[in-house]
Amino acid sequence: MDESEQRSIEVDEGEARTIVSALERDKPTKDRREEERLENIARQFQREFGLGERGDDEGDFTDMTPGSFEGDLDITGDSDSRSVGLSRGEAESVIDALSASETSEPAGEETTQEIEERFESTFDLGENGGEGEREGESD
């Protein structure tokens, strides 16, 4: 997959919130350019799902733990998943942020790992940059 080529990935609102939270938490550890990139990716998910538009603190995701929104939509029976288009570089940034969240907040680790695996699969990413075997795969 070319760096500039975009692919779409299906995510639900709970996953989008987990991703935005991870991106927000990861921003302070980056230089200004990468911080802006993470902010732009987070905004894309926020716009797609209308996050932070409800008039309360739902726009602040920095104090959320990964997976803290897991199953939110299952309560109402609404499985509102949407397709979000990202480049390979943006997907790598999401995976990096999710990985950093896993190590800082073990709650919801299984959820973040599942999201990471879907991103790796969709965007041909992994330990070898999408080439060769991925962790846990064999012939």
N, C-alpha and C. Protein backbone atom coordinates (compact mmCIF):
# COMPACT_ATOMS: atom_id res chain seq x y z
N MET A 1 0.85 -1.18 0.00
CA MET A 1 0.00 0.00 0.00
C MET A 1 0.89 1.23 0.00
N ASP A 2 0.62 2.15 -0.90
CA ASP A 2 1.34 3.42 -1.00
C ASP A 2 0.98 4.32 0.18
N GLU A 3 1.94 5.10 0.67
CA GLU A 3 1.74 5.98 1.83
C GLU A 3 0.56 6.93 1.64
N SER A 4 0.35 7.43 0.44
CA SER A 4 -0.70 8.42 0.21
C SER A 4 -2.06 7.78 -0.10
N GLU A 5 -2.07 6.50 -0.45
CA GLU A 5 -3.31 5.80 -0.76
C GLU A 5 -4.17 5.68 0.49
N GLN A 6 -5.45 5.92 0.32
CA GLN A 6 -6.37 5.82 1.45
C GLN A 6 -7.16 4.53 1.36
N ARG A 7 -7.44 3.97 2.51
CA ARG A 7 -8.32 2.82 2.63
C ARG A 7 -9.36 3.16 3.68
N SER A 8 -10.45 2.46 3.63
CA SER A 8 -11.52 2.68 4.61
C SER A 8 -11.55 1.54 5.60
N ILE A 9 -11.90 1.88 6.83
CA ILE A 9 -12.06 0.88 7.88
C ILE A 9 -13.35 1.17 8.61
N GLU A 10 -14.09 0.12 8.92
CA GLU A 10 -15.35 0.24 9.65
C GLU A 10 -15.05 0.31 11.14
N VAL A 11 -15.57 1.33 11.80
CA VAL A 11 -15.45 1.46 13.25
C VAL A 11 -16.80 1.88 13.81
N ASP A 12 -17.07 1.47 15.04
CA ASP A 12 -18.31 1.92 15.67
C ASP A 12 -17.98 3.10 16.59
N GLU A 13 -19.00 3.68 17.19
CA GLU A 13 -18.78 4.88 18.00
C GLU A 13 -17.89 4.61 19.21
N GLY A 14 -18.07 3.48 19.87
CA GLY A 14 -17.23 3.15 21.01
C GLY A 14 -15.76 3.03 20.62
N GLU A 15 -15.52 2.40 19.48
CA GLU A 15 -14.14 2.28 18.99
C GLU A 15 -13.58 3.64 18.61
N ALA A 16 -14.42 4.47 17.99
CA ALA A 16 -13.98 5.82 17.63
C ALA A 16 -13.59 6.62 18.87
N ARG A 17 -14.38 6.50 19.92
CA ARG A 17 -14.06 7.19 21.17
C ARG A 17 -12.74 6.68 21.76
N THR A 18 -12.53 5.37 21.70
CA THR A 18 -11.28 4.79 22.19
C THR A 18 -10.10 5.32 21.39
N ILE A 19 -10.26 5.42 20.08
CA ILE A 19 -9.20 5.92 19.20
C ILE A 19 -8.91 7.39 19.51
N VAL A 20 -9.96 8.20 19.61
CA VAL A 20 -9.78 9.62 19.89
C VAL A 20 -9.09 9.80 21.25
N SER A 21 -9.51 9.03 22.24
CA SER A 21 -8.89 9.10 23.56
C SER A 21 -7.40 8.78 23.48
N ALA A 22 -7.06 7.73 22.77
CA ALA A 22 -5.65 7.33 22.63
C ALA A 22 -4.85 8.40 21.90
N LEU A 23 -5.42 8.97 20.86
CA LEU A 23 -4.73 10.03 20.11
C LEU A 23 -4.51 11.26 20.99
N GLU A 24 -5.53 11.63 21.77
CA GLU A 24 -5.42 12.79 22.66
C GLU A 24 -4.35 12.56 23.73
N ARG A 25 -4.28 11.36 24.27
CA ARG A 25 -3.29 11.04 25.29
C ARG A 25 -1.87 11.03 24.72
N ASP A 26 -1.74 10.65 23.45
CA ASP A 26 -0.42 10.51 22.83
C ASP A 26 0.15 11.84 22.34
N LYS A 27 -0.70 12.84 22.13
CA LYS A 27 -0.26 14.13 21.59
C LYS A 27 0.89 14.78 22.34
N PRO A 28 0.83 14.87 23.67
CA PRO A 28 1.90 15.58 24.39
C PRO A 28 3.28 14.95 24.25
N THR A 29 3.35 13.71 23.80
CA THR A 29 4.65 13.04 23.68
C THR A 29 5.29 13.27 22.31
N LYS A 30 4.63 14.02 21.45
CA LYS A 30 5.09 14.20 20.07
C LYS A 30 5.58 15.63 19.82
N ASP A 31 6.35 15.78 18.72
CA ASP A 31 6.74 17.13 18.32
C ASP A 31 5.52 17.84 17.74
N ARG A 32 5.64 19.12 17.51
CA ARG A 32 4.49 19.94 17.09
C ARG A 32 3.84 19.42 15.81
N ARG A 33 4.65 19.03 14.84
CA ARG A 33 4.10 18.56 13.56
C ARG A 33 3.29 17.28 13.75
N GLU A 34 3.85 16.33 14.50
CA GLU A 34 3.14 15.07 14.75
C GLU A 34 1.93 15.29 15.64
N GLU A 35 2.03 16.23 16.57
CA GLU A 35 0.90 16.58 17.43
C GLU A 35 -0.27 17.08 16.59
N GLU A 36 0.02 17.93 15.60
CA GLU A 36 -1.02 18.44 14.71
C GLU A 36 -1.62 17.31 13.88
N ARG A 37 -0.79 16.39 13.45
CA ARG A 37 -1.26 15.23 12.67
C ARG A 37 -2.23 14.40 13.50
N LEU A 38 -1.87 14.13 14.76
CA LEU A 38 -2.75 13.35 15.64
C LEU A 38 -4.05 14.08 15.89
N GLU A 39 -3.96 15.39 16.05
CA GLU A 39 -5.16 16.21 16.26
C GLU A 39 -6.08 16.13 15.04
N ASN A 40 -5.52 16.20 13.85
CA ASN A 40 -6.32 16.12 12.63
C ASN A 40 -7.01 14.76 12.49
N ILE A 41 -6.29 13.69 12.84
CA ILE A 41 -6.88 12.35 12.78
C ILE A 41 -8.02 12.25 13.79
N ALA A 42 -7.79 12.74 15.01
CA ALA A 42 -8.82 12.71 16.05
C ALA A 42 -10.05 13.49 15.59
N ARG A 43 -9.83 14.66 15.00
CA ARG A 43 -10.96 15.48 14.52
C ARG A 43 -11.77 14.74 13.46
N GLN A 44 -11.08 13.98 12.62
CA GLN A 44 -11.77 13.23 11.58
C GLN A 44 -12.75 12.23 12.21
N PHE A 45 -12.31 11.52 13.24
CA PHE A 45 -13.21 10.59 13.93
C PHE A 45 -14.31 11.34 14.67
N GLN A 46 -13.96 12.47 15.29
CA GLN A 46 -14.96 13.25 16.01
C GLN A 46 -16.05 13.76 15.07
N ARG A 47 -15.65 14.27 13.89
CA ARG A 47 -16.63 14.75 12.91
C ARG A 47 -17.51 13.61 12.41
N GLU A 48 -16.90 12.49 12.08
CA GLU A 48 -17.64 11.37 11.52
C GLU A 48 -18.72 10.87 12.47
N PHE A 49 -18.43 10.89 13.78
CA PHE A 49 -19.37 10.37 14.77
C PHE A 49 -20.07 11.44 15.58
N GLY A 50 -19.81 12.72 15.29
CA GLY A 50 -20.44 13.80 16.03
C GLY A 50 -20.01 13.85 17.49
N LEU A 51 -18.80 13.42 17.76
CA LEU A 51 -18.30 13.39 19.14
C LEU A 51 -17.97 14.80 19.58
N GLY A 52 -18.31 15.12 20.82
CA GLY A 52 -18.02 16.44 21.37
C GLY A 52 -19.02 17.49 20.96
N GLU A 53 -20.09 17.10 20.26
CA GLU A 53 -21.10 18.06 19.81
C GLU A 53 -22.35 18.02 20.68
N ARG A 54 -22.28 17.33 21.80
CA ARG A 54 -23.49 17.12 22.60
C ARG A 54 -23.64 18.12 23.73
N GLY A 55 -22.75 19.12 23.80
CA GLY A 55 -22.91 20.19 24.76
C GLY A 55 -22.43 19.90 26.17
N ASP A 56 -21.77 18.76 26.39
CA ASP A 56 -21.24 18.49 27.72
C ASP A 56 -19.76 18.15 27.60
N ASP A 57 -19.24 17.44 28.55
CA ASP A 57 -17.81 17.13 28.56
C ASP A 57 -17.43 15.99 27.63
N GLU A 58 -18.34 15.55 26.78
CA GLU A 58 -18.03 14.42 25.92
C GLU A 58 -16.95 14.72 24.88
N GLY A 59 -16.57 15.97 24.73
CA GLY A 59 -15.51 16.31 23.81
C GLY A 59 -14.12 16.15 24.39
N ASP A 60 -14.02 15.98 25.71
CA ASP A 60 -12.73 15.81 26.37
C ASP A 60 -12.49 14.33 26.61
N PHE A 61 -11.55 13.78 25.87
CA PHE A 61 -11.30 12.35 25.93
C PHE A 61 -10.01 12.00 26.65
N THR A 62 -9.31 12.99 27.19
CA THR A 62 -8.00 12.73 27.77
C THR A 62 -8.06 11.92 29.05
N ASP A 63 -9.19 11.93 29.75
CA ASP A 63 -9.27 11.18 31.01
C ASP A 63 -9.95 9.82 30.84
N MET A 64 -10.21 9.42 29.62
CA MET A 64 -10.86 8.16 29.35
C MET A 64 -9.83 7.05 29.24
N THR A 65 -10.21 5.86 29.64
CA THR A 65 -9.34 4.71 29.48
C THR A 65 -9.71 3.98 28.21
N PRO A 66 -8.75 3.30 27.59
CA PRO A 66 -9.08 2.53 26.39
C PRO A 66 -10.19 1.54 26.70
N GLY A 67 -11.15 1.45 25.80
CA GLY A 67 -12.25 0.52 25.97
C GLY A 67 -13.33 1.01 26.90
N SER A 68 -13.22 2.24 27.42
CA SER A 68 -14.21 2.71 28.37
C SER A 68 -15.57 2.92 27.72
N PHE A 69 -15.63 2.93 26.42
CA PHE A 69 -16.91 3.10 25.71
C PHE A 69 -17.36 1.80 25.06
N GLU A 70 -16.61 0.74 25.33
CA GLU A 70 -16.94 -0.55 24.73
C GLU A 70 -18.37 -0.93 25.07
N GLY A 71 -19.14 -1.24 24.04
CA GLY A 71 -20.50 -1.68 24.25
C GLY A 71 -21.50 -0.56 24.48
N ASP A 72 -21.09 0.70 24.41
CA ASP A 72 -22.02 1.81 24.63
C ASP A 72 -23.26 1.68 23.77
N LEU A 73 -23.07 1.38 22.50
CA LEU A 73 -24.20 1.35 21.59
C LEU A 73 -25.02 0.07 21.70
N ASP A 74 -24.43 -0.96 22.30
CA ASP A 74 -25.17 -2.20 22.46
C ASP A 74 -26.35 -2.04 23.40
N ILE A 75 -26.29 -1.07 24.29
CA ILE A 75 -27.38 -0.84 25.24
C ILE A 75 -28.67 -0.49 24.49
N THR A 76 -28.56 0.29 23.45
CA THR A 76 -29.73 0.71 22.69
C THR A 76 -30.00 -0.21 21.51
N GLY A 77 -29.09 -1.15 21.25
CA GLY A 77 -29.23 -2.02 20.11
C GLY A 77 -28.77 -1.36 18.82
N ASP A 78 -28.21 -0.18 18.91
CA ASP A 78 -27.74 0.56 17.75
C ASP A 78 -26.28 0.22 17.48
N SER A 79 -26.00 -0.34 16.33
CA SER A 79 -24.61 -0.67 15.99
C SER A 79 -24.15 0.27 14.88
N ASP A 80 -24.10 1.53 15.18
CA ASP A 80 -23.78 2.58 14.22
C ASP A 80 -22.30 2.57 13.88
N SER A 81 -21.91 1.69 12.96
CA SER A 81 -20.52 1.71 12.53
C SER A 81 -20.45 2.47 11.21
N ARG A 82 -19.33 3.13 11.04
CA ARG A 82 -19.14 3.94 9.84
C ARG A 82 -17.79 3.67 9.26
N SER A 83 -17.67 3.95 7.99
CA SER A 83 -16.42 3.77 7.28
C SER A 83 -15.61 5.06 7.35
N VAL A 84 -14.37 4.94 7.82
CA VAL A 84 -13.48 6.09 7.94
C VAL A 84 -12.27 5.86 7.03
N GLY A 85 -11.97 6.83 6.17
CA GLY A 85 -10.84 6.72 5.26
C GLY A 85 -9.58 7.31 5.86
N LEU A 86 -8.51 6.52 5.85
CA LEU A 86 -7.22 6.96 6.38
C LEU A 86 -6.09 6.52 5.46
N SER A 87 -5.00 7.25 5.50
CA SER A 87 -3.80 6.81 4.79
C SER A 87 -3.06 5.81 5.67
N ARG A 88 -2.08 5.17 5.10
CA ARG A 88 -1.28 4.21 5.87
C ARG A 88 -0.58 4.91 7.04
N GLY A 89 -0.03 6.09 6.81
CA GLY A 89 0.64 6.84 7.86
C GLY A 89 -0.30 7.21 8.99
N GLU A 90 -1.53 7.60 8.64
CA GLU A 90 -2.52 7.92 9.67
C GLU A 90 -2.89 6.68 10.46
N ALA A 91 -3.03 5.55 9.77
CA ALA A 91 -3.34 4.29 10.45
C ALA A 91 -2.20 3.91 11.40
N GLU A 92 -0.96 4.11 10.97
CA GLU A 92 0.18 3.83 11.85
C GLU A 92 0.14 4.70 13.09
N SER A 93 -0.25 5.96 12.93
CA SER A 93 -0.37 6.86 14.08
C SER A 93 -1.44 6.39 15.05
N VAL A 94 -2.55 5.89 14.53
CA VAL A 94 -3.62 5.36 15.37
C VAL A 94 -3.10 4.14 16.14
N ILE A 95 -2.42 3.24 15.45
CA ILE A 95 -1.90 2.03 16.10
C ILE A 95 -0.89 2.40 17.18
N ASP A 96 0.00 3.34 16.89
CA ASP A 96 0.99 3.77 17.88
C ASP A 96 0.31 4.35 19.12
N ALA A 97 -0.71 5.18 18.91
CA ALA A 97 -1.42 5.79 20.03
C ALA A 97 -2.15 4.73 20.85
N LEU A 98 -2.78 3.77 20.17
CA LEU A 98 -3.46 2.69 20.89
C LEU A 98 -2.47 1.85 21.69
N SER A 99 -1.31 1.57 21.11
CA SER A 99 -0.28 0.80 21.81
C SER A 99 0.20 1.53 23.05
N ALA A 100 0.41 2.83 22.93
CA ALA A 100 0.85 3.63 24.08
C ALA A 100 -0.24 3.64 25.16
N SER A 101 -1.50 3.67 24.76
CA SER A 101 -2.60 3.65 25.73
C SER A 101 -2.66 2.33 26.47
N GLU A 102 -2.39 1.24 25.76
CA GLU A 102 -2.39 -0.08 26.39
C GLU A 102 -1.40 -0.15 27.53
N THR A 103 -0.22 0.39 27.30
CA THR A 103 0.82 0.29 28.33
C THR A 103 0.57 1.24 29.48
N SER A 104 -0.09 2.37 29.22
CA SER A 104 -0.34 3.32 30.31
C SER A 104 -1.64 3.02 31.05
N GLU A 105 -2.59 2.40 30.37
CA GLU A 105 -3.88 2.09 30.97
C GLU A 105 -4.28 0.67 30.59
N PRO A 106 -4.03 -0.31 31.45
CA PRO A 106 -4.35 -1.69 31.10
C PRO A 106 -5.84 -1.96 30.95
N ALA A 107 -6.71 -1.12 31.51
CA ALA A 107 -8.15 -1.33 31.35
C ALA A 107 -8.52 -1.19 29.88
N GLY A 108 -9.27 -2.14 29.37
CA GLY A 108 -9.67 -2.09 27.97
C GLY A 108 -8.59 -2.53 27.01
N GLU A 109 -7.54 -3.16 27.52
CA GLU A 109 -6.43 -3.58 26.67
C GLU A 109 -6.87 -4.51 25.55
N GLU A 110 -7.80 -5.42 25.86
CA GLU A 110 -8.28 -6.36 24.85
C GLU A 110 -8.97 -5.61 23.70
N THR A 111 -9.76 -4.61 24.04
CA THR A 111 -10.45 -3.82 23.01
C THR A 111 -9.45 -3.09 22.12
N THR A 112 -8.46 -2.45 22.72
CA THR A 112 -7.48 -1.71 21.91
C THR A 112 -6.68 -2.66 21.05
N GLN A 113 -6.37 -3.84 21.56
CA GLN A 113 -5.63 -4.82 20.75
C GLN A 113 -6.45 -5.26 19.54
N GLU A 114 -7.75 -5.47 19.74
CA GLU A 114 -8.62 -5.86 18.64
C GLU A 114 -8.66 -4.76 17.57
N ILE A 115 -8.76 -3.51 18.01
CA ILE A 115 -8.79 -2.40 17.06
C ILE A 115 -7.46 -2.33 16.31
N GLU A 116 -6.35 -2.45 17.05
CA GLU A 116 -5.03 -2.43 16.42
C GLU A 116 -4.91 -3.52 15.35
N GLU A 117 -5.34 -4.72 15.67
CA GLU A 117 -5.26 -5.84 14.73
C GLU A 117 -6.06 -5.56 13.47
N ARG A 118 -7.25 -4.97 13.62
CA ARG A 118 -8.05 -4.63 12.44
C ARG A 118 -7.36 -3.58 11.59
N PHE A 119 -6.75 -2.57 12.23
CA PHE A 119 -6.03 -1.54 11.49
C PHE A 119 -4.83 -2.16 10.78
N GLU A 120 -4.08 -3.02 11.46
CA GLU A 120 -2.92 -3.66 10.86
C GLU A 120 -3.32 -4.47 9.64
N SER A 121 -4.41 -5.22 9.76
CA SER A 121 -4.88 -6.05 8.67
C SER A 121 -5.37 -5.20 7.49
N THR A 122 -6.17 -4.20 7.78
CA THR A 122 -6.76 -3.36 6.73
C THR A 122 -5.69 -2.57 5.97
N PHE A 123 -4.69 -2.09 6.70
CA PHE A 123 -3.69 -1.21 6.09
C PHE A 123 -2.36 -1.91 5.81
N ASP A 124 -2.37 -3.24 5.85
CA ASP A 124 -1.16 -4.03 5.58
C ASP A 124 0.01 -3.60 6.44
N LEU A 125 -0.25 -3.45 7.73
CA LEU A 125 0.79 -3.05 8.68
C LEU A 125 1.09 -4.22 9.61
N GLY A 126 2.15 -4.12 10.30
CA GLY A 126 2.55 -5.15 11.26
C GLY A 126 4.00 -4.94 11.59
N GLU A 127 4.59 -5.93 12.22
CA GLU A 127 5.98 -5.81 12.63
C GLU A 127 6.92 -5.57 11.46
N ASN A 128 6.59 -6.13 10.30
CA ASN A 128 7.46 -5.98 9.13
C ASN A 128 6.93 -4.98 8.13
N GLY A 129 6.11 -4.05 8.60
CA GLY A 129 5.56 -3.04 7.70
C GLY A 129 4.66 -3.61 6.65
N GLY A 130 4.02 -4.75 6.96
CA GLY A 130 3.11 -5.37 6.02
C GLY A 130 3.76 -6.39 5.14
N GLU A 131 5.07 -6.58 5.26
CA GLU A 131 5.76 -7.56 4.44
C GLU A 131 6.06 -8.78 5.27
N GLY A 132 5.87 -9.96 4.70
CA GLY A 132 6.21 -11.18 5.42
C GLY A 132 5.15 -11.52 6.45
N GLU A 133 5.55 -12.35 7.41
CA GLU A 133 4.62 -12.80 8.43
C GLU A 133 4.41 -11.75 9.49
N ARG A 134 3.21 -11.72 10.02
CA ARG A 134 2.91 -10.86 11.16
C ARG A 134 3.01 -11.69 12.41
N GLU A 135 3.09 -11.01 13.53
CA GLU A 135 3.19 -11.70 14.80
C GLU A 135 2.02 -12.68 14.95
N GLY A 136 2.35 -13.90 15.33
CA GLY A 136 1.33 -14.89 15.56
C GLY A 136 0.87 -15.62 14.31
N GLU A 137 1.39 -15.27 13.15
CA GLU A 137 1.00 -15.93 11.90
C GLU A 137 2.11 -16.84 11.45
N SER A 138 1.73 -17.96 10.89
CA SER A 138 2.73 -18.86 10.33
C SER A 138 2.13 -19.57 9.14
N ASP A 139 2.97 -20.24 8.39
CA ASP A 139 2.50 -20.96 7.18
C ASP A 139 1.68 -22.15 7.51
